[in-house]
């Protein structure tokens, strides 16, 4: 973990791209993924892709070794301690920023613009009749 001006940046190095529809990376390319404030930066030796943390629907960190299956576009081996710390930091950052709301199914507090509830998996996507109830 790096620190820039008092804000922590989590950097995952030597990740292997599994697929990258809509991103400037090729399958098998090695990239670094950095999480800072509300931004995710994916960087290879030739390309950079930046997007909001709120756009990140799911991340899976597994190991040891290179991930060869799965629907995500990033794979790579990490130790269990690093994976647990990365997931904790992501959860903390993702669910503590931005407007919040209540899930109409389980009544837990979640991100207002969530497509699914992280607790009960209720769907709030484009064709769902349910919507997250704004708090405040």
N, C-alpha and C. Protein backbone atom coordinates (compact mmCIF):
# COMPACT_ATOMS: atom_id res chain seq x y z
N UNK A 1 0.85 -1.17 0.00
CA UNK A 1 0.00 0.00 0.00
C UNK A 1 0.90 1.22 0.00
N UNK A 2 0.54 2.20 -0.81
CA UNK A 2 1.29 3.44 -0.90
C UNK A 2 0.45 4.56 -0.33
N UNK A 3 1.11 5.66 0.06
CA UNK A 3 0.39 6.80 0.59
C UNK A 3 0.75 8.04 -0.21
N UNK A 4 -0.27 8.74 -0.72
CA UNK A 4 -0.07 9.96 -1.48
C UNK A 4 -0.81 11.08 -0.79
N UNK A 5 -0.07 12.04 -0.21
CA UNK A 5 -0.69 13.20 0.43
C UNK A 5 -1.72 12.80 1.48
N UNK A 6 -1.44 11.77 2.26
CA UNK A 6 -2.33 11.38 3.33
C UNK A 6 -3.44 10.42 2.93
N UNK A 7 -3.64 10.17 1.63
CA UNK A 7 -4.67 9.22 1.22
C UNK A 7 -4.00 7.92 0.79
N UNK A 8 -4.55 6.82 1.23
CA UNK A 8 -3.96 5.51 0.95
C UNK A 8 -4.31 5.06 -0.45
N UNK A 9 -3.35 4.47 -1.13
CA UNK A 9 -3.55 3.89 -2.45
C UNK A 9 -3.20 2.42 -2.36
N UNK A 10 -4.13 1.56 -2.73
CA UNK A 10 -3.90 0.13 -2.78
C UNK A 10 -3.51 -0.22 -4.21
N UNK A 11 -2.33 -0.81 -4.40
CA UNK A 11 -1.84 -1.16 -5.73
C UNK A 11 -1.66 -2.67 -5.81
N UNK A 12 -2.29 -3.28 -6.78
CA UNK A 12 -2.13 -4.70 -7.06
C UNK A 12 -1.26 -4.80 -8.30
N UNK A 13 -0.04 -5.31 -8.14
CA UNK A 13 0.92 -5.36 -9.24
C UNK A 13 0.91 -6.73 -9.91
N UNK A 14 1.37 -6.76 -11.14
CA UNK A 14 1.54 -8.00 -11.91
C UNK A 14 0.25 -8.80 -12.04
N UNK A 15 -0.84 -8.12 -12.33
CA UNK A 15 -2.12 -8.78 -12.60
C UNK A 15 -2.17 -9.18 -14.07
N UNK A 16 -2.79 -10.31 -14.36
CA UNK A 16 -2.89 -10.79 -15.73
C UNK A 16 -4.29 -10.53 -16.26
N UNK A 17 -4.38 -9.90 -17.42
CA UNK A 17 -5.67 -9.61 -18.05
C UNK A 17 -6.24 -10.91 -18.61
N UNK A 18 -7.49 -11.23 -18.22
CA UNK A 18 -8.16 -12.42 -18.73
C UNK A 18 -9.03 -12.10 -19.94
N UNK A 19 -9.56 -10.92 -20.00
CA UNK A 19 -10.39 -10.42 -21.09
C UNK A 19 -10.63 -8.96 -20.79
N UNK A 20 -10.87 -8.15 -21.82
CA UNK A 20 -10.97 -6.72 -21.53
C UNK A 20 -11.87 -5.99 -22.51
N UNK A 21 -13.05 -6.47 -22.68
CA UNK A 21 -13.98 -5.81 -23.58
C UNK A 21 -14.19 -4.36 -23.16
N UNK A 22 -13.92 -3.44 -24.06
CA UNK A 22 -14.08 -2.03 -23.76
C UNK A 22 -12.87 -1.38 -23.11
N UNK A 23 -11.81 -2.14 -22.87
CA UNK A 23 -10.59 -1.62 -22.27
C UNK A 23 -9.44 -1.80 -23.25
N UNK A 24 -8.38 -0.99 -23.13
CA UNK A 24 -7.28 -1.05 -24.11
C UNK A 24 -6.23 -2.11 -23.80
N UNK A 25 -6.63 -3.23 -23.20
CA UNK A 25 -5.67 -4.26 -22.83
C UNK A 25 -5.94 -5.54 -23.62
N UNK A 26 -4.89 -6.34 -23.81
CA UNK A 26 -5.00 -7.63 -24.50
C UNK A 26 -4.99 -8.75 -23.47
N UNK A 27 -5.68 -9.85 -23.79
CA UNK A 27 -5.64 -11.02 -22.91
C UNK A 27 -4.20 -11.47 -22.73
N UNK A 28 -3.83 -11.76 -21.48
CA UNK A 28 -2.48 -12.20 -21.16
C UNK A 28 -1.53 -11.07 -20.81
N UNK A 29 -1.94 -9.81 -21.06
CA UNK A 29 -1.10 -8.65 -20.76
C UNK A 29 -1.00 -8.48 -19.23
N UNK A 30 0.15 -8.03 -18.75
CA UNK A 30 0.37 -7.78 -17.33
C UNK A 30 0.10 -6.31 -17.04
N UNK A 31 -0.72 -6.06 -16.01
CA UNK A 31 -1.07 -4.69 -15.64
C UNK A 31 -0.97 -4.51 -14.13
N UNK A 32 -0.99 -3.27 -13.69
CA UNK A 32 -1.10 -2.93 -12.27
C UNK A 32 -2.46 -2.26 -12.08
N UNK A 33 -3.12 -2.56 -10.98
CA UNK A 33 -4.43 -1.98 -10.68
C UNK A 33 -4.28 -1.19 -9.38
N UNK A 34 -4.62 0.10 -9.43
CA UNK A 34 -4.49 0.97 -8.26
C UNK A 34 -5.86 1.50 -7.86
N UNK A 35 -6.15 1.46 -6.57
CA UNK A 35 -7.40 1.99 -6.01
C UNK A 35 -7.04 3.18 -5.15
N UNK A 36 -7.53 4.38 -5.51
CA UNK A 36 -7.21 5.59 -4.78
C UNK A 36 -8.45 6.46 -4.72
N UNK A 37 -8.87 6.81 -3.51
CA UNK A 37 -10.10 7.58 -3.30
C UNK A 37 -11.25 6.89 -4.00
N UNK A 38 -11.86 7.50 -4.99
CA UNK A 38 -12.99 6.90 -5.69
C UNK A 38 -12.63 6.50 -7.11
N UNK A 39 -11.33 6.26 -7.37
CA UNK A 39 -10.87 5.97 -8.72
C UNK A 39 -10.12 4.65 -8.77
N UNK A 40 -10.32 3.93 -9.87
CA UNK A 40 -9.57 2.71 -10.17
C UNK A 40 -8.73 3.01 -11.41
N UNK A 41 -7.42 2.75 -11.33
CA UNK A 41 -6.52 2.95 -12.46
C UNK A 41 -5.92 1.61 -12.84
N UNK A 42 -6.07 1.23 -14.09
CA UNK A 42 -5.45 0.02 -14.62
C UNK A 42 -4.36 0.48 -15.60
N UNK A 43 -3.12 0.06 -15.35
CA UNK A 43 -1.99 0.56 -16.15
C UNK A 43 -1.14 -0.61 -16.65
N UNK A 44 -0.88 -0.59 -17.95
CA UNK A 44 0.10 -1.50 -18.54
C UNK A 44 1.29 -0.65 -18.99
N UNK A 45 2.24 -1.26 -19.66
CA UNK A 45 3.38 -0.48 -20.13
C UNK A 45 2.98 0.49 -21.24
N UNK A 46 1.84 0.22 -21.92
CA UNK A 46 1.44 1.06 -23.05
C UNK A 46 0.11 1.79 -22.86
N UNK A 47 -0.71 1.39 -21.89
CA UNK A 47 -2.06 1.94 -21.78
C UNK A 47 -2.43 2.26 -20.34
N UNK A 48 -3.41 3.15 -20.19
CA UNK A 48 -3.98 3.49 -18.90
C UNK A 48 -5.50 3.56 -19.05
N UNK A 49 -6.22 2.91 -18.15
CA UNK A 49 -7.68 3.00 -18.12
C UNK A 49 -8.08 3.45 -16.72
N UNK A 50 -8.87 4.53 -16.64
CA UNK A 50 -9.33 5.07 -15.36
C UNK A 50 -10.85 5.03 -15.34
N UNK A 51 -11.40 4.66 -14.18
CA UNK A 51 -12.85 4.71 -14.03
C UNK A 51 -13.20 4.87 -12.56
N UNK A 52 -14.44 5.22 -12.30
CA UNK A 52 -14.92 5.45 -10.94
C UNK A 52 -15.05 4.13 -10.19
N UNK A 53 -14.75 4.16 -8.90
CA UNK A 53 -14.92 2.98 -8.06
C UNK A 53 -16.39 2.54 -8.04
N UNK A 54 -17.31 3.49 -8.20
CA UNK A 54 -18.73 3.16 -8.22
C UNK A 54 -19.11 2.33 -9.45
N UNK A 55 -18.29 2.36 -10.51
CA UNK A 55 -18.54 1.56 -11.71
C UNK A 55 -18.08 0.11 -11.55
N UNK A 56 -17.28 -0.15 -10.52
CA UNK A 56 -16.75 -1.48 -10.28
C UNK A 56 -17.83 -2.34 -9.65
N UNK A 57 -18.37 -3.29 -10.41
CA UNK A 57 -19.46 -4.12 -9.92
C UNK A 57 -18.97 -5.25 -9.03
N UNK A 58 -17.81 -5.82 -9.36
CA UNK A 58 -17.31 -6.96 -8.60
C UNK A 58 -15.82 -7.12 -8.85
N UNK A 59 -15.12 -7.58 -7.84
CA UNK A 59 -13.70 -7.92 -8.00
C UNK A 59 -13.46 -9.22 -7.25
N UNK A 60 -12.65 -10.06 -7.85
CA UNK A 60 -12.31 -11.33 -7.23
C UNK A 60 -10.80 -11.47 -7.24
N UNK A 61 -10.22 -11.67 -6.07
CA UNK A 61 -8.78 -11.83 -5.94
C UNK A 61 -8.53 -13.23 -5.41
N UNK A 62 -7.82 -14.03 -6.21
CA UNK A 62 -7.56 -15.40 -5.81
C UNK A 62 -6.08 -15.71 -5.99
N UNK A 63 -5.67 -16.83 -5.53
CA UNK A 63 -4.27 -17.22 -5.67
C UNK A 63 -4.09 -18.59 -5.05
N UNK A 64 -2.96 -19.18 -5.08
CA UNK A 64 -1.75 -18.68 -5.70
C UNK A 64 -1.74 -18.92 -7.20
N UNK A 65 -0.87 -18.23 -7.91
CA UNK A 65 -0.73 -18.44 -9.34
C UNK A 65 -1.65 -17.57 -10.15
N UNK A 66 -1.65 -17.78 -11.44
CA UNK A 66 -2.45 -17.00 -12.36
C UNK A 66 -3.86 -17.56 -12.45
N UNK A 67 -4.84 -16.70 -12.40
CA UNK A 67 -6.23 -17.11 -12.56
C UNK A 67 -6.47 -17.41 -14.03
N UNK A 68 -7.04 -18.57 -14.33
CA UNK A 68 -7.28 -18.93 -15.73
C UNK A 68 -8.75 -19.07 -16.04
N UNK A 69 -9.63 -18.93 -15.06
CA UNK A 69 -11.06 -19.01 -15.31
C UNK A 69 -11.74 -17.83 -14.64
N UNK A 70 -12.97 -17.57 -15.01
CA UNK A 70 -13.73 -16.51 -14.36
C UNK A 70 -14.18 -15.47 -15.36
N UNK A 71 -15.14 -14.66 -14.94
CA UNK A 71 -15.72 -13.67 -15.82
C UNK A 71 -15.06 -12.32 -15.74
N UNK A 72 -14.14 -12.13 -14.80
CA UNK A 72 -13.49 -10.83 -14.65
C UNK A 72 -12.41 -10.64 -15.70
N UNK A 73 -11.77 -9.48 -15.70
CA UNK A 73 -10.71 -9.27 -16.67
C UNK A 73 -9.34 -9.19 -16.05
N UNK A 74 -9.25 -9.34 -14.72
CA UNK A 74 -7.95 -9.27 -14.07
C UNK A 74 -7.73 -10.54 -13.27
N UNK A 75 -6.56 -11.11 -13.37
CA UNK A 75 -6.24 -12.30 -12.59
C UNK A 75 -4.82 -12.21 -12.09
N UNK A 76 -4.51 -12.99 -11.10
CA UNK A 76 -3.14 -13.00 -10.59
C UNK A 76 -3.11 -13.61 -9.22
N UNK A 77 -1.97 -14.13 -8.83
CA UNK A 77 -1.85 -14.79 -7.55
C UNK A 77 -1.46 -13.83 -6.44
N UNK A 78 -2.19 -13.89 -5.35
CA UNK A 78 -1.90 -13.08 -4.17
C UNK A 78 -1.99 -14.01 -2.98
N UNK A 79 -1.23 -13.72 -1.94
CA UNK A 79 -1.34 -14.48 -0.71
C UNK A 79 -2.67 -14.20 -0.04
N UNK A 80 -3.12 -15.06 0.82
CA UNK A 80 -4.43 -14.93 1.47
C UNK A 80 -4.51 -13.66 2.31
N UNK A 81 -3.40 -13.27 2.96
CA UNK A 81 -3.43 -12.06 3.76
C UNK A 81 -3.64 -10.82 2.89
N UNK A 82 -2.92 -10.76 1.76
CA UNK A 82 -3.06 -9.62 0.86
C UNK A 82 -4.46 -9.57 0.26
N UNK A 83 -4.99 -10.72 -0.11
CA UNK A 83 -6.34 -10.77 -0.69
C UNK A 83 -7.38 -10.31 0.33
N UNK A 84 -7.26 -10.76 1.57
CA UNK A 84 -8.22 -10.36 2.61
C UNK A 84 -8.13 -8.87 2.89
N UNK A 85 -6.91 -8.32 2.95
CA UNK A 85 -6.73 -6.90 3.18
C UNK A 85 -7.27 -6.08 2.01
N UNK A 86 -7.01 -6.52 0.80
CA UNK A 86 -7.51 -5.80 -0.38
C UNK A 86 -9.03 -5.80 -0.38
N UNK A 87 -9.66 -6.93 -0.10
CA UNK A 87 -11.12 -7.00 -0.09
C UNK A 87 -11.69 -6.13 1.03
N UNK A 88 -11.06 -6.13 2.20
CA UNK A 88 -11.53 -5.29 3.31
C UNK A 88 -11.47 -3.82 2.93
N UNK A 89 -10.35 -3.39 2.34
CA UNK A 89 -10.21 -1.99 1.94
C UNK A 89 -11.21 -1.61 0.86
N UNK A 90 -11.42 -2.50 -0.09
CA UNK A 90 -12.40 -2.22 -1.15
C UNK A 90 -13.81 -2.10 -0.58
N UNK A 91 -14.18 -3.03 0.28
CA UNK A 91 -15.51 -2.98 0.90
C UNK A 91 -15.69 -1.70 1.69
N UNK A 92 -14.67 -1.36 2.48
CA UNK A 92 -14.73 -0.15 3.30
C UNK A 92 -14.89 1.09 2.43
N UNK A 93 -14.09 1.18 1.38
CA UNK A 93 -14.11 2.35 0.51
C UNK A 93 -15.42 2.39 -0.31
N UNK A 94 -15.81 1.26 -0.87
CA UNK A 94 -16.96 1.23 -1.77
C UNK A 94 -18.27 1.51 -1.02
N UNK A 95 -18.37 1.04 0.21
CA UNK A 95 -19.63 1.19 0.93
C UNK A 95 -19.62 2.33 1.93
N UNK A 96 -18.60 3.18 1.89
CA UNK A 96 -18.59 4.31 2.81
C UNK A 96 -18.58 5.64 2.07
N UNK A 97 -18.66 5.61 0.75
CA UNK A 97 -18.66 6.84 -0.03
C UNK A 97 -19.92 6.91 -0.87
N UNK A 98 -20.33 8.12 -1.19
CA UNK A 98 -21.48 8.31 -2.06
C UNK A 98 -22.79 8.25 -1.30
N UNK A 99 -23.88 8.57 -2.00
CA UNK A 99 -25.20 8.56 -1.36
C UNK A 99 -25.63 7.14 -0.98
N UNK A 100 -26.33 7.05 0.14
CA UNK A 100 -26.75 5.74 0.65
C UNK A 100 -28.27 5.61 0.58
N UNK A 101 -28.74 4.37 0.65
CA UNK A 101 -30.17 4.09 0.63
C UNK A 101 -30.45 2.78 1.35
N UNK A 102 -31.74 2.43 1.44
CA UNK A 102 -32.16 1.18 2.09
C UNK A 102 -32.64 0.19 1.04
N UNK A 103 -32.23 -1.06 1.21
CA UNK A 103 -32.73 -2.14 0.36
C UNK A 103 -34.20 -2.38 0.73
N UNK A 104 -35.12 -2.37 -0.23
CA UNK A 104 -36.53 -2.58 0.10
C UNK A 104 -36.83 -4.02 0.51
N UNK A 105 -35.90 -4.94 0.25
CA UNK A 105 -36.13 -6.34 0.60
C UNK A 105 -35.65 -6.67 2.01
N UNK A 106 -34.39 -6.32 2.33
CA UNK A 106 -33.83 -6.68 3.65
C UNK A 106 -33.65 -5.49 4.57
N UNK A 107 -33.89 -4.28 4.07
CA UNK A 107 -33.81 -3.03 4.83
C UNK A 107 -32.41 -2.72 5.37
N UNK A 108 -31.38 -3.25 4.70
CA UNK A 108 -29.99 -2.93 5.06
C UNK A 108 -29.57 -1.67 4.30
N UNK A 109 -28.59 -0.92 4.85
CA UNK A 109 -28.08 0.27 4.20
C UNK A 109 -27.07 -0.12 3.14
N UNK A 110 -27.29 0.37 1.90
CA UNK A 110 -26.42 0.08 0.76
C UNK A 110 -26.23 1.35 -0.06
N UNK A 111 -25.35 1.30 -1.05
CA UNK A 111 -25.16 2.42 -1.96
C UNK A 111 -26.47 2.70 -2.70
N UNK A 112 -26.82 3.98 -2.82
CA UNK A 112 -28.06 4.37 -3.47
C UNK A 112 -28.13 3.89 -4.91
N UNK A 113 -27.01 3.87 -5.62
CA UNK A 113 -27.01 3.50 -7.03
C UNK A 113 -26.60 2.05 -7.26
N UNK A 114 -26.79 1.18 -6.26
CA UNK A 114 -26.46 -0.23 -6.40
C UNK A 114 -27.40 -0.92 -7.37
N UNK A 115 -26.85 -1.86 -8.14
CA UNK A 115 -27.70 -2.66 -9.02
C UNK A 115 -28.20 -3.91 -8.31
N UNK A 116 -27.48 -4.33 -7.26
CA UNK A 116 -27.92 -5.45 -6.43
C UNK A 116 -27.58 -5.14 -4.98
N UNK A 117 -28.32 -5.76 -4.06
CA UNK A 117 -28.03 -5.62 -2.63
C UNK A 117 -26.90 -6.58 -2.28
N UNK A 118 -25.87 -6.09 -1.61
CA UNK A 118 -24.74 -6.95 -1.26
C UNK A 118 -25.09 -7.93 -0.15
N UNK A 119 -26.21 -7.73 0.53
CA UNK A 119 -26.62 -8.62 1.61
C UNK A 119 -27.58 -9.72 1.13
N UNK A 120 -28.66 -9.32 0.46
CA UNK A 120 -29.69 -10.31 0.09
C UNK A 120 -29.73 -10.58 -1.41
N UNK A 121 -28.90 -9.87 -2.19
CA UNK A 121 -28.79 -10.04 -3.64
C UNK A 121 -30.03 -9.60 -4.41
N UNK A 122 -30.89 -8.78 -3.79
CA UNK A 122 -32.05 -8.22 -4.50
C UNK A 122 -31.55 -7.40 -5.68
N UNK A 123 -32.27 -7.45 -6.79
CA UNK A 123 -31.86 -6.80 -8.03
C UNK A 123 -32.58 -5.47 -8.20
N UNK A 124 -31.81 -4.41 -8.52
CA UNK A 124 -32.39 -3.09 -8.77
C UNK A 124 -32.01 -2.60 -10.16
N UNK A 125 -31.66 -3.51 -11.05
CA UNK A 125 -31.20 -3.16 -12.39
C UNK A 125 -32.26 -2.50 -13.24
N UNK A 126 -31.94 -2.33 -14.50
CA UNK A 126 -32.77 -1.57 -15.44
C UNK A 126 -34.21 -2.08 -15.52
N UNK A 127 -34.42 -3.38 -15.48
CA UNK A 127 -35.77 -3.93 -15.66
C UNK A 127 -36.43 -4.36 -14.36
N UNK A 128 -35.82 -4.03 -13.23
CA UNK A 128 -36.38 -4.40 -11.94
C UNK A 128 -37.46 -3.41 -11.51
N UNK A 129 -38.47 -3.91 -10.82
CA UNK A 129 -39.51 -3.03 -10.30
C UNK A 129 -39.09 -2.46 -8.94
N UNK A 130 -38.05 -3.02 -8.31
CA UNK A 130 -37.57 -2.50 -7.04
C UNK A 130 -36.56 -1.40 -7.25
N UNK A 131 -36.48 -0.46 -6.32
CA UNK A 131 -35.49 0.60 -6.32
C UNK A 131 -34.97 0.78 -4.90
N UNK A 132 -33.70 1.16 -4.79
CA UNK A 132 -33.14 1.48 -3.48
C UNK A 132 -33.83 2.74 -2.98
N UNK A 133 -34.22 2.73 -1.69
CA UNK A 133 -34.94 3.85 -1.08
C UNK A 133 -33.91 4.83 -0.54
N UNK A 134 -33.89 6.09 -1.05
CA UNK A 134 -32.91 7.07 -0.57
C UNK A 134 -33.05 7.34 0.92
N UNK A 135 -31.92 7.55 1.59
CA UNK A 135 -31.91 7.92 3.00
C UNK A 135 -31.72 9.43 3.08
N UNK A 136 -32.54 10.09 3.88
CA UNK A 136 -32.36 11.52 4.09
C UNK A 136 -33.37 12.29 3.42
